[in-house]
């Protein structure tokens, strides 16, 4: 005899389980015998430009033709100085004005109680 319908435990083992869980057990799993079958209608897909095999313009949608060689972003060789000693990268006005990635969150700050 089970505690609830669909439960596969004896009443004693169910009480022991509930005691160790410190709450009444709620099974969140679903078994195939517990729910009804749901049938879905076939999908209705409108005809697109590639629905006919004979008139399929494959070369127009081939992504491999749009691939280019990689662009070198970082040069690992010796540094090249700009003409006339001027740098193309602007320097910050002061060390405190430099951009810092992100804002640090103070975890120890007390939250205001409203």
PDB file of N, CA and C in Angstrom:
ATOM      1  N   UNK A   1       0.848  -1.175   0.000  1.00  0.00           N
ATOM      2  CA  UNK A   1       0.000   0.000   0.000  1.00  0.00           C
ATOM      3  C   UNK A   1       0.893   1.237   0.000  1.00  0.00           C
ATOM      4  N   UNK A   2       0.636   2.144  -0.901  1.00  0.00           N
ATOM      5  CA  UNK A   2       1.465   3.334  -0.997  1.00  0.00           C
ATOM      6  C   UNK A   2       0.790   4.518  -0.321  1.00  0.00           C
ATOM      7  N   UNK A   3       1.586   5.542  -0.055  1.00  0.00           N
ATOM      8  CA  UNK A   3       1.082   6.736   0.613  1.00  0.00           C
ATOM      9  C   UNK A   3       0.200   7.530  -0.334  1.00  0.00           C
ATOM     10  N   UNK A   4       0.663   7.777  -1.542  1.00  0.00           N
ATOM     11  CA  UNK A   4      -0.086   8.515  -2.550  1.00  0.00           C
ATOM     12  C   UNK A   4      -0.091   7.693  -3.829  1.00  0.00           C
ATOM     13  N   UNK A   5      -1.014   7.992  -4.717  1.00  0.00           N
ATOM     14  CA  UNK A   5      -1.047   7.295  -5.993  1.00  0.00           C
ATOM     15  C   UNK A   5       0.190   7.621  -6.806  1.00  0.00           C
ATOM     16  N   UNK A   6       0.839   6.631  -7.353  1.00  0.00           N
ATOM     17  CA  UNK A   6       2.038   6.828  -8.145  1.00  0.00           C
ATOM     18  C   UNK A   6       3.311   6.782  -7.343  1.00  0.00           C
ATOM     19  N   UNK A   7       3.224   6.785  -6.006  1.00  0.00           N
ATOM     20  CA  UNK A   7       4.413   6.701  -5.168  1.00  0.00           C
ATOM     21  C   UNK A   7       4.788   5.235  -5.023  1.00  0.00           C
ATOM     22  N   UNK A   8       6.033   4.900  -5.165  1.00  0.00           N
ATOM     23  CA  UNK A   8       6.462   3.510  -5.171  1.00  0.00           C
ATOM     24  C   UNK A   8       7.107   3.100  -3.852  1.00  0.00           C
ATOM     25  N   UNK A   9       6.777   3.783  -2.759  1.00  0.00           N
ATOM     26  CA  UNK A   9       7.360   3.479  -1.457  1.00  0.00           C
ATOM     27  C   UNK A   9       6.287   3.001  -0.489  1.00  0.00           C
ATOM     28  N   UNK A  10       6.721   2.278   0.512  1.00  0.00           N
ATOM     29  CA  UNK A  10       5.808   1.886   1.585  1.00  0.00           C
ATOM     30  C   UNK A  10       5.584   3.084   2.493  1.00  0.00           C
ATOM     31  N   UNK A  11       4.522   3.076   3.284  1.00  0.00           N
ATOM     32  CA  UNK A  11       4.263   4.227   4.167  1.00  0.00           C
ATOM     33  C   UNK A  11       5.387   4.485   5.159  1.00  0.00           C
ATOM     34  N   UNK A  12       6.025   3.435   5.661  1.00  0.00           N
ATOM     35  CA  UNK A  12       7.116   3.622   6.618  1.00  0.00           C
ATOM     36  C   UNK A  12       8.315   4.299   5.960  1.00  0.00           C
ATOM     37  N   UNK A  13       8.703   3.820   4.788  1.00  0.00           N
ATOM     38  CA  UNK A  13       9.850   4.406   4.083  1.00  0.00           C
ATOM     39  C   UNK A  13       9.523   5.834   3.641  1.00  0.00           C
ATOM     40  N   UNK A  14       8.263   6.097   3.280  1.00  0.00           N
ATOM     41  CA  UNK A  14       7.871   7.460   2.898  1.00  0.00           C
ATOM     42  C   UNK A  14       7.968   8.406   4.085  1.00  0.00           C
ATOM     43  N   UNK A  15       7.596   7.959   5.279  1.00  0.00           N
ATOM     44  CA  UNK A  15       7.723   8.806   6.471  1.00  0.00           C
ATOM     45  C   UNK A  15       9.181   9.055   6.818  1.00  0.00           C
ATOM     46  N   UNK A  16      10.022   8.039   6.668  1.00  0.00           N
ATOM     47  CA  UNK A  16      11.465   8.221   6.921  1.00  0.00           C
ATOM     48  C   UNK A  16      12.043   9.224   5.934  1.00  0.00           C
ATOM     49  N   UNK A  17      11.649   9.113   4.666  1.00  0.00           N
ATOM     50  CA  UNK A  17      12.113  10.056   3.645  1.00  0.00           C
ATOM     51  C   UNK A  17      11.666  11.474   3.982  1.00  0.00           C
ATOM     52  N   UNK A  18      10.409  11.647   4.363  1.00  0.00           N
ATOM     53  CA  UNK A  18       9.911  12.975   4.713  1.00  0.00           C
ATOM     54  C   UNK A  18      10.603  13.528   5.957  1.00  0.00           C
ATOM     55  N   UNK A  19      10.967  12.655   6.892  1.00  0.00           N
ATOM     56  CA  UNK A  19      11.678  13.098   8.086  1.00  0.00           C
ATOM     57  C   UNK A  19      13.054  13.643   7.722  1.00  0.00           C
ATOM     58  N   UNK A  20      13.792  12.938   6.870  1.00  0.00           N
ATOM     59  CA  UNK A  20      15.129  13.401   6.497  1.00  0.00           C
ATOM     60  C   UNK A  20      15.081  14.620   5.577  1.00  0.00           C
ATOM     61  N   UNK A  21      14.033  14.736   4.774  1.00  0.00           N
ATOM     62  CA  UNK A  21      13.888  15.923   3.932  1.00  0.00           C
ATOM     63  C   UNK A  21      13.383  17.128   4.722  1.00  0.00           C
ATOM     64  N   UNK A  22      12.806  16.895   5.889  1.00  0.00           N
ATOM     65  CA  UNK A  22      12.217  17.913   6.751  1.00  0.00           C
ATOM     66  C   UNK A  22      11.082  18.657   6.054  1.00  0.00           C
ATOM     67  N   UNK A  23      10.425  17.966   5.164  1.00  0.00           N
ATOM     68  CA  UNK A  23       9.248  18.487   4.474  1.00  0.00           C
ATOM     69  C   UNK A  23       8.559  17.322   3.787  1.00  0.00           C
ATOM     70  N   UNK A  24       7.354  17.557   3.310  1.00  0.00           N
ATOM     71  CA  UNK A  24       6.643  16.518   2.583  1.00  0.00           C
ATOM     72  C   UNK A  24       7.197  16.448   1.164  1.00  0.00           C
ATOM     73  N   UNK A  25       7.523  15.261   0.719  1.00  0.00           N
ATOM     74  CA  UNK A  25       8.160  15.068  -0.583  1.00  0.00           C
ATOM     75  C   UNK A  25       7.168  15.341  -1.700  1.00  0.00           C
ATOM     76  N   UNK A  26       7.597  16.121  -2.699  1.00  0.00           N
ATOM     77  CA  UNK A  26       6.797  16.407  -3.882  1.00  0.00           C
ATOM     78  C   UNK A  26       7.597  15.957  -5.086  1.00  0.00           C
ATOM     79  N   UNK A  27       7.153  14.916  -5.728  1.00  0.00           N
ATOM     80  CA  UNK A  27       7.878  14.376  -6.876  1.00  0.00           C
ATOM     81  C   UNK A  27       7.659  15.280  -8.077  1.00  0.00           C
ATOM     82  N   UNK A  28       8.712  15.882  -8.579  1.00  0.00           N
ATOM     83  CA  UNK A  28       8.592  16.793  -9.706  1.00  0.00           C
ATOM     84  C   UNK A  28       8.804  16.098 -11.041  1.00  0.00           C
ATOM     85  N   UNK A  29       9.144  14.825 -11.014  1.00  0.00           N
ATOM     86  CA  UNK A  29       9.348  14.101 -12.262  1.00  0.00           C
ATOM     87  C   UNK A  29       8.014  13.643 -12.830  1.00  0.00           C
ATOM     88  N   UNK A  30       7.971  13.494 -14.138  1.00  0.00           N
ATOM     89  CA  UNK A  30       6.765  13.020 -14.788  1.00  0.00           C
ATOM     90  C   UNK A  30       7.068  11.679 -15.434  1.00  0.00           C
ATOM     91  N   UNK A  31       6.176  10.774 -15.288  1.00  0.00           N
ATOM     92  CA  UNK A  31       6.315   9.470 -15.914  1.00  0.00           C
ATOM     93  C   UNK A  31       5.323   9.369 -17.062  1.00  0.00           C
ATOM     94  N   UNK A  32       5.623   8.515 -18.029  1.00  0.00           N
ATOM     95  CA  UNK A  32       4.780   8.422 -19.221  1.00  0.00           C
ATOM     96  C   UNK A  32       3.375   7.958 -18.895  1.00  0.00           C
ATOM     97  N   UNK A  33       3.203   7.193 -17.831  1.00  0.00           N
ATOM     98  CA  UNK A  33       1.852   6.739 -17.492  1.00  0.00           C
ATOM     99  C   UNK A  33       1.040   7.822 -16.795  1.00  0.00           C
ATOM    100  N   UNK A  34       1.651   8.949 -16.429  1.00  0.00           N
ATOM    101  CA  UNK A  34       0.951   9.999 -15.687  1.00  0.00           C
ATOM    102  C   UNK A  34       0.418  11.132 -16.556  1.00  0.00           C
ATOM    103  N   UNK A  35       0.738  11.178 -17.828  1.00  0.00           N
ATOM    104  CA  UNK A  35       0.207  12.259 -18.650  1.00  0.00           C
ATOM    105  C   UNK A  35      -0.231  11.713 -19.997  1.00  0.00           C
ATOM    106  N   UNK A  36      -1.152  12.434 -20.617  1.00  0.00           N
ATOM    107  CA  UNK A  36      -1.739  11.963 -21.863  1.00  0.00           C
ATOM    108  C   UNK A  36      -0.852  12.343 -23.036  1.00  0.00           C
ATOM    109  N   UNK A  37      -1.061  11.643 -24.137  1.00  0.00           N
ATOM    110  CA  UNK A  37      -0.272  11.892 -25.341  1.00  0.00           C
ATOM    111  C   UNK A  37      -0.723  13.200 -25.981  1.00  0.00           C
ATOM    112  N   UNK A  38       0.206  13.964 -26.482  1.00  0.00           N
ATOM    113  CA  UNK A  38      -0.091  15.207 -27.176  1.00  0.00           C
ATOM    114  C   UNK A  38       0.356  15.050 -28.629  1.00  0.00           C
ATOM    115  N   UNK A  39      -0.572  15.116 -29.529  1.00  0.00           N
ATOM    116  CA  UNK A  39      -0.226  15.025 -30.944  1.00  0.00           C
ATOM    117  C   UNK A  39      -0.151  16.432 -31.509  1.00  0.00           C
ATOM    118  N   UNK A  40       0.746  16.633 -32.429  1.00  0.00           N
ATOM    119  CA  UNK A  40       0.929  17.937 -33.037  1.00  0.00           C
ATOM    120  C   UNK A  40       0.566  17.857 -34.510  1.00  0.00           C
ATOM    121  N   UNK A  41      -0.062  18.901 -35.027  1.00  0.00           N
ATOM    122  CA  UNK A  41      -0.354  18.901 -36.462  1.00  0.00           C
ATOM    123  C   UNK A  41       0.940  19.070 -37.252  1.00  0.00           C
ATOM    124  N   UNK A  42       0.972  18.604 -38.493  1.00  0.00           N
ATOM    125  CA  UNK A  42       2.184  18.794 -39.292  1.00  0.00           C
ATOM    126  C   UNK A  42       2.438  20.282 -39.525  1.00  0.00           C
ATOM    127  N   UNK A  43       3.696  20.690 -39.600  1.00  0.00           N
ATOM    128  CA  UNK A  43       3.994  22.117 -39.763  1.00  0.00           C
ATOM    129  C   UNK A  43       3.604  22.621 -41.146  1.00  0.00           C
ATOM    130  N   UNK A  44       3.145  23.864 -41.185  1.00  0.00           N
ATOM    131  CA  UNK A  44       2.832  24.514 -42.451  1.00  0.00           C
ATOM    132  C   UNK A  44       3.963  25.486 -42.754  1.00  0.00           C
ATOM    133  N   UNK A  45       4.792  25.137 -43.712  1.00  0.00           N
ATOM    134  CA  UNK A  45       5.915  25.978 -44.091  1.00  0.00           C
ATOM    135  C   UNK A  45       5.666  26.544 -45.479  1.00  0.00           C
ATOM    136  N   UNK A  46       5.668  27.853 -45.635  1.00  0.00           N
ATOM    137  CA  UNK A  46       5.483  28.417 -46.971  1.00  0.00           C
ATOM    138  C   UNK A  46       6.690  28.120 -47.849  1.00  0.00           C
ATOM    139  N   UNK A  47       6.435  28.085 -49.154  1.00  0.00           N
ATOM    140  CA  UNK A  47       7.523  27.808 -50.089  1.00  0.00           C
ATOM    141  C   UNK A  47       8.486  28.982 -50.121  1.00  0.00           C
ATOM    142  N   UNK A  48       9.759  28.689 -49.961  1.00  0.00           N
ATOM    143  CA  UNK A  48      10.783  29.720 -50.023  1.00  0.00           C
ATOM    144  C   UNK A  48      11.471  29.702 -51.372  1.00  0.00           C
ATOM    145  N   UNK A  49      12.585  30.397 -51.474  1.00  0.00           N
ATOM    146  CA  UNK A  49      13.278  30.442 -52.758  1.00  0.00           C
ATOM    147  C   UNK A  49      14.068  29.169 -53.016  1.00  0.00           C
ATOM    148  N   UNK A  50      14.257  28.340 -51.988  1.00  0.00           N
ATOM    149  CA  UNK A  50      15.044  27.126 -52.164  1.00  0.00           C
ATOM    150  C   UNK A  50      14.188  25.866 -52.089  1.00  0.00           C
ATOM    151  N   UNK A  51      12.872  25.967 -52.294  1.00  0.00           N
ATOM    152  CA  UNK A  51      12.044  24.775 -52.152  1.00  0.00           C
ATOM    153  C   UNK A  51      12.105  23.876 -53.379  1.00  0.00           C
ATOM    154  N   UNK A  52      12.459  24.388 -54.536  1.00  0.00           N
ATOM    155  CA  UNK A  52      12.604  23.552 -55.727  1.00  0.00           C
ATOM    156  C   UNK A  52      14.064  23.176 -55.898  1.00  0.00           C
ATOM    157  N   UNK A  53      14.318  21.895 -56.029  1.00  0.00           N
ATOM    158  CA  UNK A  53      15.700  21.437 -56.187  1.00  0.00           C
ATOM    159  C   UNK A  53      16.244  21.845 -57.549  1.00  0.00           C
ATOM    160  N   UNK A  54      15.410  21.828 -58.592  1.00  0.00           N
ATOM    161  CA  UNK A  54      15.890  22.098 -59.945  1.00  0.00           C
ATOM    162  C   UNK A  54      16.312  23.557 -60.105  1.00  0.00           C
ATOM    163  N   UNK A  55      15.677  24.466 -59.390  1.00  0.00           N
ATOM    164  CA  UNK A  55      15.982  25.886 -59.553  1.00  0.00           C
ATOM    165  C   UNK A  55      16.716  26.444 -58.338  1.00  0.00           C
ATOM    166  N   UNK A  56      17.451  25.612 -57.645  1.00  0.00           N
ATOM    167  CA  UNK A  56      18.135  26.025 -56.431  1.00  0.00           C
ATOM    168  C   UNK A  56      19.430  26.748 -56.791  1.00  0.00           C
ATOM    169  N   UNK A  57      19.513  28.025 -56.465  1.00  0.00           N
ATOM    170  CA  UNK A  57      20.716  28.809 -56.751  1.00  0.00           C
ATOM    171  C   UNK A  57      21.706  28.623 -55.607  1.00  0.00           C
ATOM    172  N   UNK A  58      22.418  27.494 -55.625  1.00  0.00           N
ATOM    173  CA  UNK A  58      23.310  27.149 -54.518  1.00  0.00           C
ATOM    174  C   UNK A  58      24.463  28.134 -54.402  1.00  0.00           C
ATOM    175  N   UNK A  59      25.013  28.560 -55.520  1.00  0.00           N
ATOM    176  CA  UNK A  59      26.190  29.420 -55.461  1.00  0.00           C
ATOM    177  C   UNK A  59      25.872  30.787 -54.868  1.00  0.00           C
ATOM    178  N   UNK A  60      24.609  31.201 -54.853  1.00  0.00           N
ATOM    179  CA  UNK A  60      24.250  32.494 -54.276  1.00  0.00           C
ATOM    180  C   UNK A  60      24.218  32.457 -52.750  1.00  0.00           C
ATOM    181  N   UNK A  61      23.995  31.287 -52.172  1.00  0.00           N
ATOM    182  CA  UNK A  61      23.896  31.203 -50.715  1.00  0.00           C
ATOM    183  C   UNK A  61      25.023  30.395 -50.103  1.00  0.00           C
ATOM    184  N   UNK A  62      26.118  30.189 -50.819  1.00  0.00           N
ATOM    185  CA  UNK A  62      27.255  29.444 -50.303  1.00  0.00           C
ATOM    186  C   UNK A  62      28.130  30.395 -49.492  1.00  0.00           C
ATOM    187  N   UNK A  63      28.208  30.172 -48.182  1.00  0.00           N
ATOM    188  CA  UNK A  63      28.959  31.055 -47.287  1.00  0.00           C
ATOM    189  C   UNK A  63      30.465  30.875 -47.416  1.00  0.00           C
ATOM    190  N   UNK A  64      30.908  29.779 -48.000  1.00  0.00           N
ATOM    191  CA  UNK A  64      32.354  29.562 -48.115  1.00  0.00           C
ATOM    192  C   UNK A  64      33.005  30.557 -49.061  1.00  0.00           C
ATOM    193  N   UNK A  65      32.230  31.119 -49.980  1.00  0.00           N
ATOM    194  CA  UNK A  65      32.802  32.094 -50.917  1.00  0.00           C
ATOM    195  C   UNK A  65      33.027  33.454 -50.265  1.00  0.00           C
ATOM    196  N   UNK A  66      32.445  33.694 -49.104  1.00  0.00           N
ATOM    197  CA  UNK A  66      32.598  34.979 -48.436  1.00  0.00           C
ATOM    198  C   UNK A  66      33.690  34.966 -47.376  1.00  0.00           C
ATOM    199  N   UNK A  67      34.406  33.859 -47.249  1.00  0.00           N
ATOM    200  CA  UNK A  67      35.467  33.755 -46.253  1.00  0.00           C
ATOM    201  C   UNK A  67      36.715  34.443 -46.787  1.00  0.00           C
ATOM    202  N   UNK A  68      37.384  35.219 -45.939  1.00  0.00           N
ATOM    203  CA  UNK A  68      38.619  35.901 -46.322  1.00  0.00           C
ATOM    204  C   UNK A  68      39.718  35.512 -45.342  1.00  0.00           C
ATOM    205  N   UNK A  69      40.993  35.731 -45.706  1.00  0.00           N
ATOM    206  CA  UNK A  69      42.070  35.404 -44.774  1.00  0.00           C
ATOM    207  C   UNK A  69      41.976  36.247 -43.504  1.00  0.00           C
ATOM    208  N   UNK A  70      42.509  35.746 -42.389  1.00  0.00           N
ATOM    209  CA  UNK A  70      42.410  36.496 -41.135  1.00  0.00           C
ATOM    210  C   UNK A  70      43.179  37.811 -41.190  1.00  0.00           C
ATOM    211  N   UNK A  71      42.670  38.788 -40.454  1.00  0.00           N
ATOM    212  CA  UNK A  71      43.307  40.101 -40.376  1.00  0.00           C
ATOM    213  C   UNK A  71      44.215  40.106 -39.156  1.00  0.00           C
ATOM    214  N   UNK A  72      45.448  40.566 -39.332  1.00  0.00           N
ATOM    215  CA  UNK A  72      46.396  40.587 -38.226  1.00  0.00           C
ATOM    216  C   UNK A  72      46.147  41.828 -37.380  1.00  0.00           C
ATOM    217  N   UNK A  73      45.658  41.621 -36.172  1.00  0.00           N
ATOM    218  CA  UNK A  73      45.324  42.727 -35.284  1.00  0.00           C
ATOM    219  C   UNK A  73      46.523  43.117 -34.442  1.00  0.00           C
ATOM    220  N   UNK A  74      47.286  42.141 -34.000  1.00  0.00           N
ATOM    221  CA  UNK A  74      48.417  42.391 -33.117  1.00  0.00           C
ATOM    222  C   UNK A  74      49.692  42.002 -33.845  1.00  0.00           C
ATOM    223  N   UNK A  75      50.675  42.892 -33.843  1.00  0.00           N
ATOM    224  CA  UNK A  75      51.957  42.617 -34.477  1.00  0.00           C
ATOM    225  C   UNK A  75      52.964  42.323 -33.377  1.00  0.00           C
ATOM    226  N   UNK A  76      53.574  41.137 -33.403  1.00  0.00           N
ATOM    227  CA  UNK A  76      54.456  40.726 -32.315  1.00  0.00           C
ATOM    228  C   UNK A  76      55.914  41.106 -32.540  1.00  0.00           C
ATOM    229  N   UNK A  77      56.223  41.797 -33.613  1.00  0.00           N
ATOM    230  CA  UNK A  77      57.599  42.180 -33.892  1.00  0.00           C
ATOM    231  C   UNK A  77      58.010  43.415 -33.116  1.00  0.00           C
ATOM    232  N   UNK A  78      59.136  44.036 -33.501  1.00  0.00           N
ATOM    233  CA  UNK A  78      59.585  45.250 -32.801  1.00  0.00           C
ATOM    234  C   UNK A  78      58.613  46.407 -33.037  1.00  0.00           C
ATOM    235  N   UNK A  79      58.547  47.327 -32.062  1.00  0.00           N
ATOM    236  CA  UNK A  79      57.635  48.460 -32.172  1.00  0.00           C
ATOM    237  C   UNK A  79      58.118  49.410 -33.254  1.00  0.00           C
ATOM    238  N   UNK A  80      57.155  49.895 -34.004  1.00  0.00           N
ATOM    239  CA  UNK A  80      57.475  50.872 -35.034  1.00  0.00           C
ATOM    240  C   UNK A  80      57.021  52.247 -34.545  1.00  0.00           C
ATOM    241  N   UNK A  81      57.924  53.201 -34.519  1.00  0.00           N
ATOM    242  CA  UNK A  81      57.586  54.545 -34.061  1.00  0.00           C
ATOM    243  C   UNK A  81      56.911  55.322 -35.175  1.00  0.00           C
ATOM    244  N   UNK A  82      56.020  56.208 -34.794  1.00  0.00           N
ATOM    245  CA  UNK A  82      55.315  57.034 -35.764  1.00  0.00           C
ATOM    246  C   UNK A  82      56.257  58.112 -36.285  1.00  0.00           C
ATOM    247  N   UNK A  83      55.876  58.690 -37.388  1.00  0.00           N
ATOM    248  CA  UNK A  83      56.672  59.756 -37.997  1.00  0.00           C
ATOM    249  C   UNK A  83      56.748  60.961 -37.058  1.00  0.00           C
ATOM    250  N   UNK A  84      57.843  61.626 -37.029  1.00  0.00           N
ATOM    251  CA  UNK A  84      58.132  62.857 -36.278  1.00  0.00           C
ATOM    252  C   UNK A  84      57.925  62.693 -34.774  1.00  0.00           C
ATOM    253  N   UNK A  85      58.032  61.505 -34.261  1.00  0.00           N
ATOM    254  CA  UNK A  85      57.993  61.281 -32.823  1.00  0.00           C
ATOM    255  C   UNK A  85      56.635  61.449 -32.175  1.00  0.00           C
ATOM    256  N   UNK A  86      55.585  61.690 -32.937  1.00  0.00           N
ATOM    257  CA  UNK A  86      54.258  61.851 -32.333  1.00  0.00           C
ATOM    258  C   UNK A  86      53.552  60.496 -32.303  1.00  0.00           C
ATOM    259  N   UNK A  87      52.838  60.279 -31.260  1.00  0.00           N
ATOM    260  CA  UNK A  87      52.115  59.019 -31.106  1.00  0.00           C
ATOM    261  C   UNK A  87      50.688  59.188 -31.610  1.00  0.00           C
ATOM    262  N   UNK A  88      50.168  58.163 -32.261  1.00  0.00           N
ATOM    263  CA  UNK A  88      48.800  58.241 -32.768  1.00  0.00           C
ATOM    264  C   UNK A  88      47.783  57.924 -31.673  1.00  0.00           C
ATOM    265  N   UNK A  89      48.246  57.320 -30.558  1.00  0.00           N
ATOM    266  CA  UNK A  89      47.345  56.988 -29.460  1.00  0.00           C
ATOM    267  C   UNK A  89      47.336  58.145 -28.471  1.00  0.00           C
ATOM    268  N   UNK A  90      46.184  58.764 -28.185  1.00  0.00           N
ATOM    269  CA  UNK A  90      46.152  59.872 -27.222  1.00  0.00           C
ATOM    270  C   UNK A  90      46.378  59.352 -25.810  1.00  0.00           C
ATOM    271  N   UNK A  91      47.118  60.130 -25.015  1.00  0.00           N
ATOM    272  CA  UNK A  91      47.389  59.762 -23.630  1.00  0.00           C
ATOM    273  C   UNK A  91      46.338  60.397 -22.732  1.00  0.00           C
ATOM    274  N   UNK A  92      45.966  59.732 -21.630  1.00  0.00           N
ATOM    275  CA  UNK A  92      44.982  60.336 -20.722  1.00  0.00           C
ATOM    276  C   UNK A  92      45.572  61.564 -20.033  1.00  0.00           C
ATOM    277  N   UNK A  93      44.692  62.489 -19.629  1.00  0.00           N
ATOM    278  CA  UNK A  93      45.128  63.729 -18.998  1.00  0.00           C
ATOM    279  C   UNK A  93      45.794  63.465 -17.656  1.00  0.00           C
ATOM    280  N   UNK A  94      45.276  62.536 -16.886  1.00  0.00           N
ATOM    281  CA  UNK A  94      45.862  62.195 -15.597  1.00  0.00           C
ATOM    282  C   UNK A  94      45.703  60.691 -15.386  1.00  0.00           C
ATOM    283  N   UNK A  95      46.466  60.106 -14.448  1.00  0.00           N
ATOM    284  CA  UNK A  95      46.321  58.666 -14.230  1.00  0.00           C
ATOM    285  C   UNK A  95      44.924  58.271 -13.753  1.00  0.00           C
ATOM    286  N   UNK A  96      44.230  59.176 -13.058  1.00  0.00           N
ATOM    287  CA  UNK A  96      42.893  58.837 -12.581  1.00  0.00           C
ATOM    288  C   UNK A  96      41.861  58.867 -13.699  1.00  0.00           C
ATOM    289  N   UNK A  97      42.167  59.528 -14.817  1.00  0.00           N
ATOM    290  CA  UNK A  97      41.224  59.617 -15.923  1.00  0.00           C
ATOM    291  C   UNK A  97      41.347  58.433 -16.872  1.00  0.00           C
ATOM    292  N   UNK A  98      42.275  57.507 -16.593  1.00  0.00           N
ATOM    293  CA  UNK A  98      42.424  56.345 -17.460  1.00  0.00           C
ATOM    294  C   UNK A  98      41.182  55.460 -17.352  1.00  0.00           C
ATOM    295  N   UNK A  99      40.852  54.807 -18.430  1.00  0.00           N
ATOM    296  CA  UNK A  99      39.676  53.951 -18.454  1.00  0.00           C
ATOM    297  C   UNK A  99      39.945  52.678 -17.675  1.00  0.00           C
ATOM    298  N   UNK A 100      39.044  52.349 -16.777  1.00  0.00           N
ATOM    299  CA  UNK A 100      39.148  51.130 -15.984  1.00  0.00           C
ATOM    300  C   UNK A 100      38.067  50.176 -16.469  1.00  0.00           C
ATOM    301  N   UNK A 101      38.419  48.926 -16.780  1.00  0.00           N
ATOM    302  CA  UNK A 101      37.395  48.013 -17.279  1.00  0.00           C
ATOM    303  C   UNK A 101      36.435  47.590 -16.180  1.00  0.00           C
ATOM    304  N   UNK A 102      35.250  48.114 -16.203  1.00  0.00           N
ATOM    305  CA  UNK A 102      34.228  47.739 -15.233  1.00  0.00           C
ATOM    306  C   UNK A 102      34.315  48.531 -13.954  1.00  0.00           C
ATOM    307  N   UNK A 103      33.293  48.402 -13.145  1.00  0.00           N
ATOM    308  CA  UNK A 103      33.230  49.065 -11.853  1.00  0.00           C
ATOM    309  C   UNK A 103      33.251  47.983 -10.791  1.00  0.00           C
ATOM    310  N   UNK A 104      34.106  48.146  -9.796  1.00  0.00           N
ATOM    311  CA  UNK A 104      34.182  47.158  -8.728  1.00  0.00           C
ATOM    312  C   UNK A 104      32.980  47.304  -7.813  1.00  0.00           C
ATOM    313  N   UNK A 105      32.424  46.173  -7.407  1.00  0.00           N
ATOM    314  CA  UNK A 105      31.275  46.170  -6.519  1.00  0.00           C
ATOM    315  C   UNK A 105      31.755  45.944  -5.103  1.00  0.00           C
ATOM    316  N   UNK A 106      31.323  46.790  -4.188  1.00  0.00           N
ATOM    317  CA  UNK A 106      31.704  46.682  -2.789  1.00  0.00           C
ATOM    318  C   UNK A 106      30.751  45.712  -2.099  1.00  0.00           C
ATOM    319  N   UNK A 107      31.218  44.497  -1.842  1.00  0.00           N
ATOM    320  CA  UNK A 107      30.382  43.463  -1.248  1.00  0.00           C
ATOM    321  C   UNK A 107      30.139  43.708   0.241  1.00  0.00           C
ATOM    322  N   UNK A 108      30.999  44.468   0.883  1.00  0.00           N
ATOM    323  CA  UNK A 108      30.881  44.685   2.319  1.00  0.00           C
ATOM    324  C   UNK A 108      30.003  45.880   2.672  1.00  0.00           C
ATOM    325  N   UNK A 109      29.524  46.627   1.692  1.00  0.00           N
ATOM    326  CA  UNK A 109      28.716  47.808   1.941  1.00  0.00           C
ATOM    327  C   UNK A 109      27.342  47.390   2.460  1.00  0.00           C
ATOM    328  N   UNK A 110      26.867  48.108   3.458  1.00  0.00           N
ATOM    329  CA  UNK A 110      25.556  47.824   4.020  1.00  0.00           C
ATOM    330  C   UNK A 110      24.475  48.302   3.060  1.00  0.00           C
ATOM    331  N   UNK A 111      23.462  47.492   2.856  1.00  0.00           N
ATOM    332  CA  UNK A 111      22.361  47.872   1.992  1.00  0.00           C
ATOM    333  C   UNK A 111      21.389  48.749   2.765  1.00  0.00           C
ATOM    334  N   UNK A 112      20.854  49.787   2.124  1.00  0.00           N
ATOM    335  CA  UNK A 112      19.873  50.627   2.819  1.00  0.00           C
ATOM    336  C   UNK A 112      18.561  49.865   2.969  1.00  0.00           C
ATOM    337  N   UNK A 113      18.006  49.918   4.165  1.00  0.00           N
ATOM    338  CA  UNK A 113      16.733  49.254   4.427  1.00  0.00           C
ATOM    339  C   UNK A 113      15.613  50.253   4.235  1.00  0.00           C
ATOM    340  N   UNK A 114      14.718  49.957   3.323  1.00  0.00           N
ATOM    341  CA  UNK A 114      13.597  50.870   3.054  1.00  0.00           C
ATOM    342  C   UNK A 114      12.384  50.470   3.839  1.00  0.00           C
TER     343      UNK A 114
END
